[in-house]
Amino acid sequence: MIDAMDARTRRTIRKLENAFIDILETKNIDDVSVSEICSNAHVNRTTFYRYYRNQYALLEMIEKELFASLYTTDDIISLLTAMRKRKKEWKRIIHLKGRGCVAENLSVIFSDRIKSRFTVSGICGSIAWWIESDMKESPEAFGRYLSDASGFEL
């Protein structure tokens, strides 16, 4: 993934990701062109195509990277804090892919820690709601809420 690349490559990919996410604030993904992404990122189209087939492939990589980063978290506060650091990306994923996409992927992360599918679904749905509501509660406060509501030490 992105961590295994050299600094210049990581910087270029970040520029493309950030430009794309910014554009998605005002446009539907179907209306976004590669040229527009490149122009906003100040990157050549050839560079874009070195890493991605199209804007959908870029979105898929952003999504994979976001979820992969959560596997390294040890507790719910760390997970929520990591999500909040990339709030813009999470909000776009929910907007484009829906709450179910986020909940489904998070359930894989939690299923190793919590055996009750009902509880996992509730926690994942609550996190999706937290993202949609602009992550107003701090990760610590929301993490305590999830832990208290679920009856599990997360």
N, C-alpha and C. Protein backbone atom coordinates (compact mmCIF):
# COMPACT_ATOMS: atom_id res chain seq x y z
N MET A 1 0.83 -1.19 0.00
CA MET A 1 0.00 0.00 0.00
C MET A 1 0.87 1.25 0.00
N ILE A 2 0.27 2.32 0.40
CA ILE A 2 0.92 3.63 0.31
C ILE A 2 2.16 3.73 1.20
N ASP A 3 2.19 3.03 2.34
CA ASP A 3 3.32 3.11 3.25
C ASP A 3 4.60 2.53 2.66
N ALA A 4 4.47 1.61 1.72
CA ALA A 4 5.64 0.94 1.14
C ALA A 4 6.27 1.76 0.02
N MET A 5 5.71 2.89 -0.32
CA MET A 5 6.21 3.71 -1.42
C MET A 5 7.18 4.78 -0.93
N ASP A 6 7.95 5.32 -1.86
CA ASP A 6 8.86 6.40 -1.48
C ASP A 6 8.06 7.68 -1.20
N ALA A 7 8.72 8.63 -0.57
CA ALA A 7 8.04 9.85 -0.10
C ALA A 7 7.41 10.64 -1.24
N ARG A 8 8.09 10.73 -2.37
CA ARG A 8 7.56 11.50 -3.50
C ARG A 8 6.28 10.86 -4.05
N THR A 9 6.27 9.56 -4.15
CA THR A 9 5.10 8.83 -4.63
C THR A 9 3.94 9.00 -3.66
N ARG A 10 4.22 8.86 -2.36
CA ARG A 10 3.17 9.05 -1.33
C ARG A 10 2.58 10.45 -1.42
N ARG A 11 3.44 11.44 -1.61
CA ARG A 11 2.98 12.83 -1.71
C ARG A 11 2.07 13.02 -2.93
N THR A 12 2.46 12.45 -4.05
CA THR A 12 1.67 12.55 -5.28
C THR A 12 0.31 11.87 -5.09
N ILE A 13 0.30 10.69 -4.53
CA ILE A 13 -0.95 9.96 -4.31
C ILE A 13 -1.85 10.72 -3.35
N ARG A 14 -1.27 11.29 -2.31
CA ARG A 14 -2.06 12.10 -1.36
C ARG A 14 -2.67 13.31 -2.06
N LYS A 15 -1.90 13.95 -2.94
CA LYS A 15 -2.41 15.10 -3.68
C LYS A 15 -3.61 14.69 -4.54
N LEU A 16 -3.50 13.56 -5.21
CA LEU A 16 -4.61 13.07 -6.03
C LEU A 16 -5.83 12.73 -5.18
N GLU A 17 -5.59 12.05 -4.07
CA GLU A 17 -6.70 11.68 -3.18
C GLU A 17 -7.40 12.92 -2.63
N ASN A 18 -6.61 13.87 -2.15
CA ASN A 18 -7.19 15.08 -1.57
C ASN A 18 -7.96 15.90 -2.59
N ALA A 19 -7.40 16.03 -3.79
CA ALA A 19 -8.10 16.76 -4.85
C ALA A 19 -9.42 16.08 -5.18
N PHE A 20 -9.40 14.78 -5.28
CA PHE A 20 -10.59 14.00 -5.60
C PHE A 20 -11.66 14.16 -4.51
N ILE A 21 -11.27 14.02 -3.27
CA ILE A 21 -12.22 14.16 -2.15
C ILE A 21 -12.80 15.57 -2.13
N ASP A 22 -11.96 16.57 -2.38
CA ASP A 22 -12.46 17.95 -2.43
C ASP A 22 -13.49 18.14 -3.54
N ILE A 23 -13.23 17.58 -4.69
CA ILE A 23 -14.17 17.69 -5.81
C ILE A 23 -15.49 16.99 -5.47
N LEU A 24 -15.40 15.87 -4.79
CA LEU A 24 -16.60 15.11 -4.43
C LEU A 24 -17.50 15.85 -3.43
N GLU A 25 -16.98 16.92 -2.85
CA GLU A 25 -17.81 17.73 -1.96
C GLU A 25 -18.94 18.40 -2.74
N THR A 26 -18.71 18.66 -4.03
CA THR A 26 -19.69 19.41 -4.81
C THR A 26 -20.19 18.67 -6.05
N LYS A 27 -19.59 17.53 -6.36
CA LYS A 27 -19.96 16.82 -7.58
C LYS A 27 -20.20 15.34 -7.30
N ASN A 28 -21.03 14.76 -8.15
CA ASN A 28 -21.24 13.33 -8.14
C ASN A 28 -20.03 12.67 -8.81
N ILE A 29 -19.66 11.48 -8.36
CA ILE A 29 -18.48 10.81 -8.91
C ILE A 29 -18.59 10.62 -10.43
N ASP A 30 -19.80 10.41 -10.94
CA ASP A 30 -19.97 10.22 -12.37
C ASP A 30 -19.66 11.48 -13.17
N ASP A 31 -19.70 12.62 -12.50
CA ASP A 31 -19.45 13.90 -13.17
C ASP A 31 -18.02 14.39 -13.02
N VAL A 32 -17.19 13.61 -12.35
CA VAL A 32 -15.80 13.99 -12.12
C VAL A 32 -14.94 13.39 -13.22
N SER A 33 -14.09 14.20 -13.80
CA SER A 33 -13.18 13.69 -14.83
C SER A 33 -11.76 13.56 -14.27
N VAL A 34 -11.00 12.71 -14.90
CA VAL A 34 -9.60 12.55 -14.52
C VAL A 34 -8.86 13.87 -14.72
N SER A 35 -9.17 14.57 -15.79
CA SER A 35 -8.53 15.87 -16.04
C SER A 35 -8.77 16.84 -14.89
N GLU A 36 -9.98 16.86 -14.38
CA GLU A 36 -10.32 17.75 -13.27
C GLU A 36 -9.54 17.38 -12.00
N ILE A 37 -9.45 16.10 -11.73
CA ILE A 37 -8.68 15.64 -10.56
C ILE A 37 -7.23 16.08 -10.70
N CYS A 38 -6.66 15.83 -11.88
CA CYS A 38 -5.25 16.18 -12.13
C CYS A 38 -5.03 17.68 -12.03
N SER A 39 -5.93 18.45 -12.57
CA SER A 39 -5.81 19.91 -12.52
C SER A 39 -5.82 20.40 -11.08
N ASN A 40 -6.75 19.88 -10.29
CA ASN A 40 -6.83 20.30 -8.88
C ASN A 40 -5.64 19.82 -8.05
N ALA A 41 -5.08 18.69 -8.45
CA ALA A 41 -3.93 18.13 -7.71
C ALA A 41 -2.60 18.67 -8.24
N HIS A 42 -2.65 19.39 -9.37
CA HIS A 42 -1.43 19.88 -10.03
C HIS A 42 -0.51 18.71 -10.39
N VAL A 43 -1.15 17.70 -11.00
CA VAL A 43 -0.45 16.48 -11.39
C VAL A 43 -0.81 16.19 -12.85
N ASN A 44 0.11 15.64 -13.57
CA ASN A 44 -0.09 15.29 -14.97
C ASN A 44 -1.03 14.08 -15.08
N ARG A 45 -1.83 14.03 -16.17
CA ARG A 45 -2.74 12.89 -16.39
C ARG A 45 -1.97 11.58 -16.48
N THR A 46 -0.80 11.61 -17.06
CA THR A 46 0.02 10.41 -17.16
C THR A 46 0.34 9.86 -15.78
N THR A 47 0.61 10.76 -14.87
CA THR A 47 0.89 10.36 -13.49
C THR A 47 -0.33 9.70 -12.88
N PHE A 48 -1.50 10.29 -13.09
CA PHE A 48 -2.73 9.69 -12.57
C PHE A 48 -2.86 8.25 -13.06
N TYR A 49 -2.71 8.06 -14.36
CA TYR A 49 -2.90 6.73 -14.95
C TYR A 49 -1.80 5.74 -14.56
N ARG A 50 -0.71 6.23 -14.03
CA ARG A 50 0.33 5.34 -13.51
C ARG A 50 -0.20 4.58 -12.29
N TYR A 51 -1.12 5.21 -11.55
CA TYR A 51 -1.62 4.63 -10.30
C TYR A 51 -3.06 4.12 -10.38
N TYR A 52 -3.89 4.71 -11.24
CA TYR A 52 -5.32 4.38 -11.27
C TYR A 52 -5.84 4.27 -12.70
N ARG A 53 -6.85 3.42 -12.89
CA ARG A 53 -7.51 3.29 -14.19
C ARG A 53 -8.45 4.46 -14.45
N ASN A 54 -9.15 4.88 -13.39
CA ASN A 54 -10.15 5.94 -13.51
C ASN A 54 -10.51 6.44 -12.10
N GLN A 55 -11.50 7.34 -12.01
CA GLN A 55 -11.88 7.90 -10.71
C GLN A 55 -12.48 6.84 -9.79
N TYR A 56 -13.09 5.80 -10.35
CA TYR A 56 -13.67 4.74 -9.53
C TYR A 56 -12.58 3.90 -8.86
N ALA A 57 -11.51 3.67 -9.59
CA ALA A 57 -10.36 2.94 -9.03
C ALA A 57 -9.71 3.76 -7.91
N LEU A 58 -9.66 5.07 -8.10
CA LEU A 58 -9.11 5.95 -7.06
C LEU A 58 -9.99 5.87 -5.81
N LEU A 59 -11.30 5.92 -5.98
CA LEU A 59 -12.21 5.80 -4.83
C LEU A 59 -12.03 4.46 -4.13
N GLU A 60 -11.90 3.40 -4.90
CA GLU A 60 -11.71 2.07 -4.32
C GLU A 60 -10.42 2.00 -3.49
N MET A 61 -9.35 2.61 -4.00
CA MET A 61 -8.09 2.61 -3.24
C MET A 61 -8.21 3.42 -1.95
N ILE A 62 -8.88 4.55 -2.02
CA ILE A 62 -9.09 5.36 -0.81
C ILE A 62 -9.86 4.53 0.21
N GLU A 63 -10.91 3.88 -0.24
CA GLU A 63 -11.73 3.05 0.65
C GLU A 63 -10.90 1.92 1.28
N LYS A 64 -10.14 1.21 0.46
CA LYS A 64 -9.30 0.11 0.98
C LYS A 64 -8.30 0.62 2.00
N GLU A 65 -7.68 1.75 1.70
CA GLU A 65 -6.68 2.33 2.60
C GLU A 65 -7.32 2.74 3.93
N LEU A 66 -8.50 3.34 3.87
CA LEU A 66 -9.18 3.76 5.09
C LEU A 66 -9.47 2.56 5.99
N PHE A 67 -10.03 1.51 5.42
CA PHE A 67 -10.36 0.34 6.24
C PHE A 67 -9.11 -0.39 6.70
N ALA A 68 -8.10 -0.49 5.85
CA ALA A 68 -6.86 -1.17 6.25
C ALA A 68 -6.21 -0.48 7.44
N SER A 69 -6.30 0.84 7.49
CA SER A 69 -5.68 1.57 8.60
C SER A 69 -6.33 1.25 9.94
N LEU A 70 -7.56 0.78 9.91
CA LEU A 70 -8.27 0.49 11.16
C LEU A 70 -7.86 -0.85 11.77
N TYR A 71 -7.31 -1.75 10.98
CA TYR A 71 -6.92 -3.06 11.49
C TYR A 71 -5.77 -2.96 12.49
N THR A 72 -5.05 -1.88 12.48
CA THR A 72 -3.91 -1.73 13.38
C THR A 72 -4.30 -1.12 14.72
N THR A 73 -5.56 -0.76 14.89
CA THR A 73 -5.98 -0.13 16.14
C THR A 73 -6.26 -1.19 17.19
N ASP A 74 -5.93 -0.85 18.43
CA ASP A 74 -6.09 -1.81 19.52
C ASP A 74 -7.40 -1.66 20.27
N ASP A 75 -8.00 -0.50 20.22
CA ASP A 75 -9.23 -0.27 20.99
C ASP A 75 -10.13 0.69 20.24
N ILE A 76 -11.33 0.86 20.74
CA ILE A 76 -12.33 1.67 20.06
C ILE A 76 -11.92 3.14 19.98
N ILE A 77 -11.27 3.67 21.01
CA ILE A 77 -10.86 5.08 21.00
C ILE A 77 -9.84 5.30 19.89
N SER A 78 -8.88 4.40 19.77
CA SER A 78 -7.88 4.51 18.69
C SER A 78 -8.54 4.43 17.32
N LEU A 79 -9.51 3.54 17.18
CA LEU A 79 -10.21 3.39 15.92
C LEU A 79 -10.97 4.66 15.57
N LEU A 80 -11.72 5.20 16.52
CA LEU A 80 -12.49 6.42 16.27
C LEU A 80 -11.57 7.62 16.02
N THR A 81 -10.45 7.69 16.71
CA THR A 81 -9.50 8.78 16.51
C THR A 81 -8.90 8.69 15.10
N ALA A 82 -8.55 7.48 14.66
CA ALA A 82 -8.02 7.30 13.31
C ALA A 82 -9.06 7.71 12.27
N MET A 83 -10.31 7.38 12.52
CA MET A 83 -11.37 7.76 11.58
C MET A 83 -11.54 9.28 11.54
N ARG A 84 -11.49 9.90 12.68
CA ARG A 84 -11.70 11.35 12.74
C ARG A 84 -10.59 12.11 12.02
N LYS A 85 -9.38 11.57 12.02
CA LYS A 85 -8.26 12.23 11.34
C LYS A 85 -8.51 12.34 9.84
N ARG A 86 -9.33 11.44 9.31
CA ARG A 86 -9.64 11.46 7.87
C ARG A 86 -11.15 11.59 7.68
N LYS A 87 -11.72 12.47 8.46
CA LYS A 87 -13.18 12.68 8.49
C LYS A 87 -13.75 12.93 7.10
N LYS A 88 -13.10 13.77 6.33
CA LYS A 88 -13.60 14.12 5.01
C LYS A 88 -13.75 12.87 4.13
N GLU A 89 -12.74 12.01 4.15
CA GLU A 89 -12.78 10.80 3.34
C GLU A 89 -13.89 9.86 3.80
N TRP A 90 -14.04 9.70 5.12
CA TRP A 90 -15.09 8.83 5.65
C TRP A 90 -16.47 9.34 5.26
N LYS A 91 -16.67 10.63 5.34
CA LYS A 91 -17.97 11.20 4.98
C LYS A 91 -18.27 10.96 3.50
N ARG A 92 -17.26 11.09 2.65
CA ARG A 92 -17.47 10.85 1.22
C ARG A 92 -17.79 9.38 0.95
N ILE A 93 -17.09 8.47 1.63
CA ILE A 93 -17.35 7.04 1.45
C ILE A 93 -18.80 6.73 1.84
N ILE A 94 -19.25 7.26 2.97
CA ILE A 94 -20.64 7.03 3.41
C ILE A 94 -21.60 7.62 2.37
N HIS A 95 -21.30 8.81 1.91
CA HIS A 95 -22.17 9.47 0.94
C HIS A 95 -22.26 8.67 -0.36
N LEU A 96 -21.14 8.19 -0.83
CA LEU A 96 -21.09 7.50 -2.12
C LEU A 96 -21.48 6.03 -2.04
N LYS A 97 -21.05 5.36 -0.97
CA LYS A 97 -21.24 3.92 -0.89
C LYS A 97 -22.37 3.52 0.07
N GLY A 98 -22.75 4.43 0.94
CA GLY A 98 -23.82 4.14 1.87
C GLY A 98 -23.33 3.66 3.22
N ARG A 99 -24.20 3.78 4.18
CA ARG A 99 -23.91 3.38 5.55
C ARG A 99 -23.59 1.89 5.63
N GLY A 100 -24.28 1.09 4.83
CA GLY A 100 -24.08 -0.36 4.86
C GLY A 100 -22.67 -0.78 4.52
N CYS A 101 -22.05 -0.08 3.58
CA CYS A 101 -20.67 -0.38 3.19
C CYS A 101 -19.72 -0.22 4.36
N VAL A 102 -19.89 0.87 5.08
CA VAL A 102 -19.02 1.12 6.23
C VAL A 102 -19.30 0.10 7.33
N ALA A 103 -20.58 -0.11 7.63
CA ALA A 103 -20.95 -1.05 8.69
C ALA A 103 -20.46 -2.47 8.36
N GLU A 104 -20.60 -2.87 7.12
CA GLU A 104 -20.18 -4.21 6.70
C GLU A 104 -18.68 -4.40 6.88
N ASN A 105 -17.90 -3.42 6.46
CA ASN A 105 -16.44 -3.51 6.59
C ASN A 105 -16.00 -3.43 8.04
N LEU A 106 -16.64 -2.59 8.83
CA LEU A 106 -16.29 -2.50 10.24
C LEU A 106 -16.65 -3.79 10.98
N SER A 107 -17.72 -4.44 10.57
CA SER A 107 -18.12 -5.67 11.26
C SER A 107 -17.04 -6.74 11.16
N VAL A 108 -16.28 -6.73 10.08
CA VAL A 108 -15.17 -7.68 9.94
C VAL A 108 -14.12 -7.39 11.01
N ILE A 109 -13.85 -6.12 11.26
CA ILE A 109 -12.86 -5.73 12.26
C ILE A 109 -13.33 -6.13 13.66
N PHE A 110 -14.60 -5.90 13.95
CA PHE A 110 -15.12 -6.17 15.29
C PHE A 110 -15.47 -7.64 15.54
N SER A 111 -15.70 -8.40 14.48
CA SER A 111 -16.16 -9.78 14.68
C SER A 111 -15.12 -10.64 15.40
N ASP A 112 -13.85 -10.29 15.31
CA ASP A 112 -12.82 -11.03 16.04
C ASP A 112 -12.86 -10.73 17.53
N ARG A 113 -13.34 -9.54 17.88
CA ARG A 113 -13.34 -9.11 19.28
C ARG A 113 -14.67 -9.39 19.98
N ILE A 114 -15.75 -9.33 19.21
CA ILE A 114 -17.08 -9.47 19.79
C ILE A 114 -17.81 -10.56 19.02
N LYS A 115 -18.28 -11.58 19.71
CA LYS A 115 -18.90 -12.72 19.04
C LYS A 115 -20.37 -12.51 18.70
N SER A 116 -21.04 -11.58 19.33
CA SER A 116 -22.46 -11.35 19.09
C SER A 116 -22.67 -10.50 17.84
N ARG A 117 -23.26 -11.10 16.81
CA ARG A 117 -23.51 -10.38 15.55
C ARG A 117 -24.43 -9.19 15.78
N PHE A 118 -25.39 -9.33 16.67
CA PHE A 118 -26.31 -8.23 16.99
C PHE A 118 -25.54 -7.03 17.54
N THR A 119 -24.63 -7.29 18.47
CA THR A 119 -23.85 -6.21 19.07
C THR A 119 -22.92 -5.58 18.04
N VAL A 120 -22.28 -6.40 17.23
CA VAL A 120 -21.38 -5.89 16.18
C VAL A 120 -22.17 -4.98 15.24
N SER A 121 -23.36 -5.42 14.83
CA SER A 121 -24.18 -4.61 13.92
C SER A 121 -24.55 -3.27 14.55
N GLY A 122 -24.89 -3.29 15.84
CA GLY A 122 -25.24 -2.05 16.53
C GLY A 122 -24.07 -1.08 16.62
N ILE A 123 -22.90 -1.60 16.94
CA ILE A 123 -21.71 -0.77 17.05
C ILE A 123 -21.36 -0.18 15.68
N CYS A 124 -21.38 -1.02 14.64
CA CYS A 124 -21.02 -0.57 13.29
C CYS A 124 -22.02 0.46 12.76
N GLY A 125 -23.29 0.22 13.00
CA GLY A 125 -24.31 1.18 12.59
C GLY A 125 -24.16 2.50 13.32
N SER A 126 -23.81 2.42 14.61
CA SER A 126 -23.61 3.64 15.40
C SER A 126 -22.40 4.43 14.89
N ILE A 127 -21.34 3.75 14.53
CA ILE A 127 -20.16 4.44 13.99
C ILE A 127 -20.50 5.09 12.66
N ALA A 128 -21.27 4.41 11.82
CA ALA A 128 -21.69 5.01 10.55
C ALA A 128 -22.52 6.27 10.81
N TRP A 129 -23.41 6.21 11.80
CA TRP A 129 -24.21 7.39 12.17
C TRP A 129 -23.28 8.52 12.64
N TRP A 130 -22.27 8.18 13.44
CA TRP A 130 -21.32 9.17 13.96
C TRP A 130 -20.61 9.89 12.82
N ILE A 131 -20.22 9.12 11.81
CA ILE A 131 -19.57 9.71 10.63
C ILE A 131 -20.54 10.65 9.93
N GLU A 132 -21.75 10.18 9.69
CA GLU A 132 -22.75 10.99 8.99
C GLU A 132 -23.09 12.27 9.75
N SER A 133 -23.05 12.21 11.06
CA SER A 133 -23.40 13.39 11.86
C SER A 133 -22.18 14.27 12.15
N ASP A 134 -21.16 14.14 11.31
CA ASP A 134 -19.98 15.00 11.32
C ASP A 134 -19.05 14.77 12.52
N MET A 135 -19.14 13.60 13.13
CA MET A 135 -18.23 13.21 14.22
C MET A 135 -18.18 14.28 15.31
N LYS A 136 -19.32 14.78 15.70
CA LYS A 136 -19.38 15.88 16.68
C LYS A 136 -18.88 15.46 18.05
N GLU A 137 -19.20 14.25 18.48
CA GLU A 137 -18.70 13.77 19.76
C GLU A 137 -17.22 13.41 19.62
N SER A 138 -16.48 13.61 20.66
CA SER A 138 -15.06 13.24 20.60
C SER A 138 -14.95 11.72 20.52
N PRO A 139 -13.84 11.21 19.99
CA PRO A 139 -13.66 9.76 19.95
C PRO A 139 -13.76 9.14 21.35
N GLU A 140 -13.24 9.85 22.36
CA GLU A 140 -13.29 9.32 23.73
C GLU A 140 -14.73 9.21 24.24
N ALA A 141 -15.51 10.28 24.03
CA ALA A 141 -16.90 10.28 24.51
C ALA A 141 -17.73 9.26 23.74
N PHE A 142 -17.55 9.21 22.44
CA PHE A 142 -18.34 8.27 21.65
C PHE A 142 -17.91 6.83 21.92
N GLY A 143 -16.61 6.62 22.12
CA GLY A 143 -16.11 5.29 22.47
C GLY A 143 -16.67 4.80 23.79
N ARG A 144 -16.74 5.70 24.78
CA ARG A 144 -17.34 5.32 26.08
C ARG A 144 -18.81 4.97 25.90
N TYR A 145 -19.51 5.76 25.08
CA TYR A 145 -20.92 5.48 24.80
C TYR A 145 -21.08 4.08 24.19
N LEU A 146 -20.27 3.78 23.18
CA LEU A 146 -20.35 2.47 22.52
C LEU A 146 -20.06 1.34 23.50
N SER A 147 -19.05 1.53 24.32
CA SER A 147 -18.70 0.53 25.30
C SER A 147 -19.81 0.32 26.32
N ASP A 148 -20.36 1.42 26.83
CA ASP A 148 -21.47 1.31 27.80
C ASP A 148 -22.71 0.70 27.17
N ALA A 149 -23.05 1.13 25.95
CA ALA A 149 -24.26 0.64 25.28
C ALA A 149 -24.16 -0.83 24.92
N SER A 150 -22.97 -1.28 24.56
CA SER A 150 -22.82 -2.65 24.12
C SER A 150 -22.55 -3.61 25.27
N GLY A 151 -22.09 -3.07 26.39
CA GLY A 151 -21.74 -3.94 27.51
C GLY A 151 -20.39 -4.61 27.35
N PHE A 152 -19.64 -4.22 26.33
CA PHE A 152 -18.32 -4.78 26.09
C PHE A 152 -17.26 -3.72 26.29
N GLU A 153 -16.12 -4.16 26.80
CA GLU A 153 -14.96 -3.28 26.86
C GLU A 153 -14.32 -3.33 25.49
N LEU A 154 -14.40 -2.21 24.79
CA LEU A 154 -13.91 -2.20 23.41
C LEU A 154 -12.51 -1.67 23.40
